[in-house]
Amino acid sequence: MSNVIQVLEQMGRDASLQNNQAIEQLLTTTELDSKTSQAIINKDINTLEKQMCITPIIAHALHPAEEEENKDENKKVKNAVNA
C-alpha cells in the first residue's frame, strides 16, 4: 500500500505526470500490480479503494428538535410585543 501512496504522491508533485503516457511510463517502473496500475490509469477511485482495502468514512449527525416549551414561550413573547 505504501508503494501506491508513494506513486500517487509523486503524481501530485510532478507536473510532467499529467498526461496518460507519462503516467503509464511511471507505472511501468513501479512494483504495483496490474489491477492497481490500471485503476490509476483509468482514474477509477472505487477500484483503487478496493485494491487498497480503504472504506470511506461516512458520519451522520442529528440536530435535536426544538423543545415544545420554547415554541410556546416564543408565541407568548410575540403576543406580548404585538399587544
N, C-alpha and C. Protein backbone atom coordinates (compact mmCIF):
# COMPACT_ATOMS: atom_id res chain seq x y z
N MET A 1 0.82 -1.19 0.00
CA MET A 1 0.00 0.00 0.00
C MET A 1 0.86 1.25 0.00
N SER A 2 2.00 1.22 0.67
CA SER A 2 2.85 2.40 0.71
C SER A 2 3.38 2.74 -0.68
N ASN A 3 3.58 1.71 -1.53
CA ASN A 3 4.01 1.98 -2.90
C ASN A 3 2.95 2.76 -3.67
N VAL A 4 1.69 2.41 -3.47
CA VAL A 4 0.59 3.12 -4.14
C VAL A 4 0.58 4.57 -3.69
N ILE A 5 0.70 4.77 -2.40
CA ILE A 5 0.70 6.13 -1.86
C ILE A 5 1.88 6.92 -2.39
N GLN A 6 3.05 6.30 -2.46
CA GLN A 6 4.23 6.98 -2.99
C GLN A 6 4.03 7.36 -4.46
N VAL A 7 3.44 6.47 -5.24
CA VAL A 7 3.20 6.76 -6.67
C VAL A 7 2.20 7.91 -6.80
N LEU A 8 1.11 7.86 -6.05
CA LEU A 8 0.11 8.93 -6.11
C LEU A 8 0.70 10.26 -5.65
N GLU A 9 1.55 10.20 -4.62
CA GLU A 9 2.22 11.41 -4.14
C GLU A 9 3.13 11.99 -5.23
N GLN A 10 3.87 11.12 -5.88
CA GLN A 10 4.76 11.58 -6.95
C GLN A 10 3.96 12.18 -8.10
N MET A 11 2.83 11.58 -8.43
CA MET A 11 1.98 12.12 -9.49
C MET A 11 1.46 13.51 -9.12
N GLY A 12 1.15 13.71 -7.87
CA GLY A 12 0.66 15.00 -7.42
C GLY A 12 1.74 16.06 -7.37
N ARG A 13 2.96 15.63 -7.12
CA ARG A 13 4.09 16.56 -7.01
C ARG A 13 4.68 16.97 -8.35
N ASP A 14 4.67 16.06 -9.31
CA ASP A 14 5.37 16.25 -10.58
C ASP A 14 4.39 16.67 -11.68
N ALA A 15 4.49 17.90 -12.12
CA ALA A 15 3.57 18.42 -13.14
C ALA A 15 3.72 17.72 -14.48
N SER A 16 4.85 17.09 -14.72
CA SER A 16 5.04 16.40 -16.00
C SER A 16 4.25 15.09 -16.07
N LEU A 17 3.69 14.67 -14.96
CA LEU A 17 2.92 13.42 -14.92
C LEU A 17 1.41 13.68 -15.05
N GLN A 18 1.05 14.63 -15.87
CA GLN A 18 -0.36 14.97 -16.03
C GLN A 18 -1.03 14.32 -17.23
N ASN A 19 -0.26 13.68 -18.11
CA ASN A 19 -0.88 13.01 -19.26
C ASN A 19 -0.77 11.50 -19.10
N ASN A 20 -1.63 10.78 -19.80
CA ASN A 20 -1.69 9.32 -19.64
C ASN A 20 -0.39 8.62 -20.01
N GLN A 21 0.29 9.11 -21.03
CA GLN A 21 1.53 8.46 -21.46
C GLN A 21 2.59 8.54 -20.36
N ALA A 22 2.72 9.69 -19.73
CA ALA A 22 3.70 9.85 -18.66
C ALA A 22 3.32 9.00 -17.45
N ILE A 23 2.03 8.92 -17.16
CA ILE A 23 1.57 8.10 -16.03
C ILE A 23 1.85 6.63 -16.30
N GLU A 24 1.55 6.17 -17.51
CA GLU A 24 1.81 4.78 -17.86
C GLU A 24 3.30 4.46 -17.77
N GLN A 25 4.12 5.39 -18.21
CA GLN A 25 5.57 5.18 -18.15
C GLN A 25 6.03 5.09 -16.69
N LEU A 26 5.50 5.94 -15.84
CA LEU A 26 5.84 5.89 -14.42
C LEU A 26 5.42 4.55 -13.82
N LEU A 27 4.22 4.10 -14.15
CA LEU A 27 3.70 2.88 -13.56
C LEU A 27 4.47 1.63 -14.00
N THR A 28 5.07 1.67 -15.16
CA THR A 28 5.87 0.52 -15.60
C THR A 28 7.16 0.39 -14.79
N THR A 29 7.60 1.48 -14.17
CA THR A 29 8.82 1.43 -13.37
C THR A 29 8.55 1.13 -11.90
N THR A 30 7.29 1.00 -11.54
CA THR A 30 6.94 0.73 -10.13
C THR A 30 6.66 -0.74 -9.93
N GLU A 31 6.47 -1.11 -8.69
CA GLU A 31 6.18 -2.51 -8.34
C GLU A 31 4.70 -2.75 -8.11
N LEU A 32 3.84 -1.89 -8.66
CA LEU A 32 2.41 -2.05 -8.45
C LEU A 32 1.88 -3.18 -9.33
N ASP A 33 0.84 -3.87 -8.82
CA ASP A 33 0.23 -4.92 -9.63
C ASP A 33 -0.59 -4.29 -10.76
N SER A 34 -0.95 -5.10 -11.73
CA SER A 34 -1.60 -4.59 -12.94
C SER A 34 -2.98 -4.00 -12.66
N LYS A 35 -3.72 -4.60 -11.71
CA LYS A 35 -5.06 -4.06 -11.40
C LYS A 35 -4.97 -2.67 -10.79
N THR A 36 -4.03 -2.48 -9.91
CA THR A 36 -3.85 -1.17 -9.27
C THR A 36 -3.37 -0.16 -10.30
N SER A 37 -2.41 -0.55 -11.13
CA SER A 37 -1.91 0.36 -12.17
C SER A 37 -3.03 0.76 -13.12
N GLN A 38 -3.85 -0.22 -13.51
CA GLN A 38 -4.96 0.07 -14.42
C GLN A 38 -5.98 1.00 -13.77
N ALA A 39 -6.23 0.83 -12.49
CA ALA A 39 -7.15 1.71 -11.77
C ALA A 39 -6.62 3.14 -11.74
N ILE A 40 -5.32 3.30 -11.58
CA ILE A 40 -4.73 4.64 -11.59
C ILE A 40 -4.83 5.26 -12.98
N ILE A 41 -4.53 4.48 -14.00
CA ILE A 41 -4.61 4.99 -15.38
C ILE A 41 -6.03 5.41 -15.72
N ASN A 42 -7.01 4.59 -15.31
CA ASN A 42 -8.42 4.87 -15.62
C ASN A 42 -9.05 5.87 -14.66
N LYS A 43 -8.30 6.29 -13.65
CA LYS A 43 -8.80 7.20 -12.61
C LYS A 43 -10.05 6.62 -11.95
N ASP A 44 -10.00 5.32 -11.72
CA ASP A 44 -11.10 4.57 -11.13
C ASP A 44 -10.91 4.51 -9.62
N ILE A 45 -11.49 5.46 -8.94
CA ILE A 45 -11.30 5.60 -7.50
C ILE A 45 -11.88 4.41 -6.75
N ASN A 46 -13.05 3.93 -7.17
CA ASN A 46 -13.68 2.81 -6.47
C ASN A 46 -12.81 1.56 -6.50
N THR A 47 -12.28 1.22 -7.66
CA THR A 47 -11.42 0.05 -7.76
C THR A 47 -10.14 0.24 -6.96
N LEU A 48 -9.59 1.44 -7.00
CA LEU A 48 -8.37 1.73 -6.25
C LEU A 48 -8.62 1.59 -4.75
N GLU A 49 -9.77 2.07 -4.28
CA GLU A 49 -10.11 1.92 -2.86
C GLU A 49 -10.22 0.45 -2.49
N LYS A 50 -10.83 -0.35 -3.37
CA LYS A 50 -10.96 -1.79 -3.09
C LYS A 50 -9.59 -2.46 -3.07
N GLN A 51 -8.71 -2.09 -4.00
CA GLN A 51 -7.37 -2.67 -4.05
C GLN A 51 -6.57 -2.35 -2.80
N MET A 52 -6.80 -1.17 -2.25
CA MET A 52 -6.06 -0.72 -1.08
C MET A 52 -6.79 -1.04 0.23
N CYS A 53 -7.97 -1.68 0.12
CA CYS A 53 -8.79 -2.02 1.30
C CYS A 53 -9.16 -0.77 2.10
N ILE A 54 -9.58 0.25 1.38
CA ILE A 54 -9.99 1.51 2.02
C ILE A 54 -11.50 1.61 1.93
N THR A 55 -12.12 1.93 3.04
CA THR A 55 -13.56 2.18 3.03
C THR A 55 -13.78 3.63 3.43
N PRO A 56 -14.63 4.31 2.69
CA PRO A 56 -14.88 5.70 3.03
C PRO A 56 -15.57 5.82 4.39
N ILE A 57 -15.25 6.86 5.11
CA ILE A 57 -15.86 7.11 6.41
C ILE A 57 -17.05 8.04 6.20
N ILE A 58 -18.20 7.56 6.63
CA ILE A 58 -19.42 8.36 6.49
C ILE A 58 -19.92 8.63 7.90
N ALA A 59 -20.12 9.89 8.20
CA ALA A 59 -20.61 10.26 9.52
C ALA A 59 -21.95 10.98 9.38
N HIS A 60 -22.83 10.69 10.27
CA HIS A 60 -24.15 11.33 10.28
C HIS A 60 -24.29 12.09 11.59
N ALA A 61 -24.95 13.21 11.51
CA ALA A 61 -25.20 13.98 12.72
C ALA A 61 -26.67 14.36 12.75
N LEU A 62 -27.25 14.29 13.91
CA LEU A 62 -28.65 14.67 14.09
C LEU A 62 -28.70 15.88 15.00
N HIS A 63 -29.50 16.83 14.60
CA HIS A 63 -29.70 18.01 15.44
C HIS A 63 -31.01 17.82 16.19
N PRO A 64 -30.99 18.02 17.49
CA PRO A 64 -32.22 17.84 18.24
C PRO A 64 -33.26 18.89 17.85
N ALA A 65 -34.49 18.48 17.85
CA ALA A 65 -35.58 19.40 17.54
C ALA A 65 -35.75 20.37 18.70
N GLU A 66 -36.35 21.51 18.39
CA GLU A 66 -36.62 22.47 19.46
C GLU A 66 -37.67 21.91 20.39
N GLU A 67 -37.53 22.24 21.63
CA GLU A 67 -38.50 21.76 22.61
C GLU A 67 -39.80 22.52 22.45
N GLU A 68 -40.89 21.86 22.75
CA GLU A 68 -42.21 22.47 22.63
C GLU A 68 -42.35 23.68 23.56
N GLU A 69 -41.73 23.62 24.71
CA GLU A 69 -41.82 24.72 25.67
C GLU A 69 -41.30 26.01 25.05
N ASN A 70 -40.20 25.93 24.31
CA ASN A 70 -39.63 27.11 23.69
C ASN A 70 -40.58 27.71 22.67
N LYS A 71 -41.31 26.89 21.95
CA LYS A 71 -42.25 27.39 20.95
C LYS A 71 -43.39 28.15 21.64
N ASP A 72 -43.87 27.59 22.75
CA ASP A 72 -44.94 28.26 23.49
C ASP A 72 -44.44 29.58 24.06
N GLU A 73 -43.23 29.61 24.57
CA GLU A 73 -42.66 30.84 25.12
C GLU A 73 -42.48 31.89 24.02
N ASN A 74 -42.04 31.46 22.85
CA ASN A 74 -41.86 32.38 21.73
C ASN A 74 -43.20 32.99 21.32
N LYS A 75 -44.27 32.20 21.32
CA LYS A 75 -45.59 32.72 20.97
C LYS A 75 -46.03 33.76 21.99
N LYS A 76 -45.79 33.49 23.29
CA LYS A 76 -46.16 34.43 24.34
C LYS A 76 -45.39 35.74 24.19
N VAL A 77 -44.10 35.64 23.86
CA VAL A 77 -43.29 36.85 23.68
C VAL A 77 -43.78 37.63 22.48
N LYS A 78 -44.09 36.97 21.38
CA LYS A 78 -44.59 37.64 20.18
C LYS A 78 -45.93 38.32 20.47
N ASN A 79 -46.82 37.62 21.19
CA ASN A 79 -48.12 38.21 21.53
C ASN A 79 -47.94 39.42 22.44
N ALA A 80 -47.00 39.34 23.37
CA ALA A 80 -46.76 40.45 24.29
C ALA A 80 -46.20 41.65 23.53
N VAL A 81 -45.35 41.42 22.55
CA VAL A 81 -44.77 42.50 21.78
C VAL A 81 -45.82 43.13 20.88
N ASN A 82 -46.69 42.34 20.31
CA ASN A 82 -47.72 42.83 19.41
C ASN A 82 -48.85 43.52 20.15
N ALA A 83 -49.04 43.27 21.43
CA ALA A 83 -50.16 43.83 22.18
C ALA A 83 -49.97 45.28 22.52
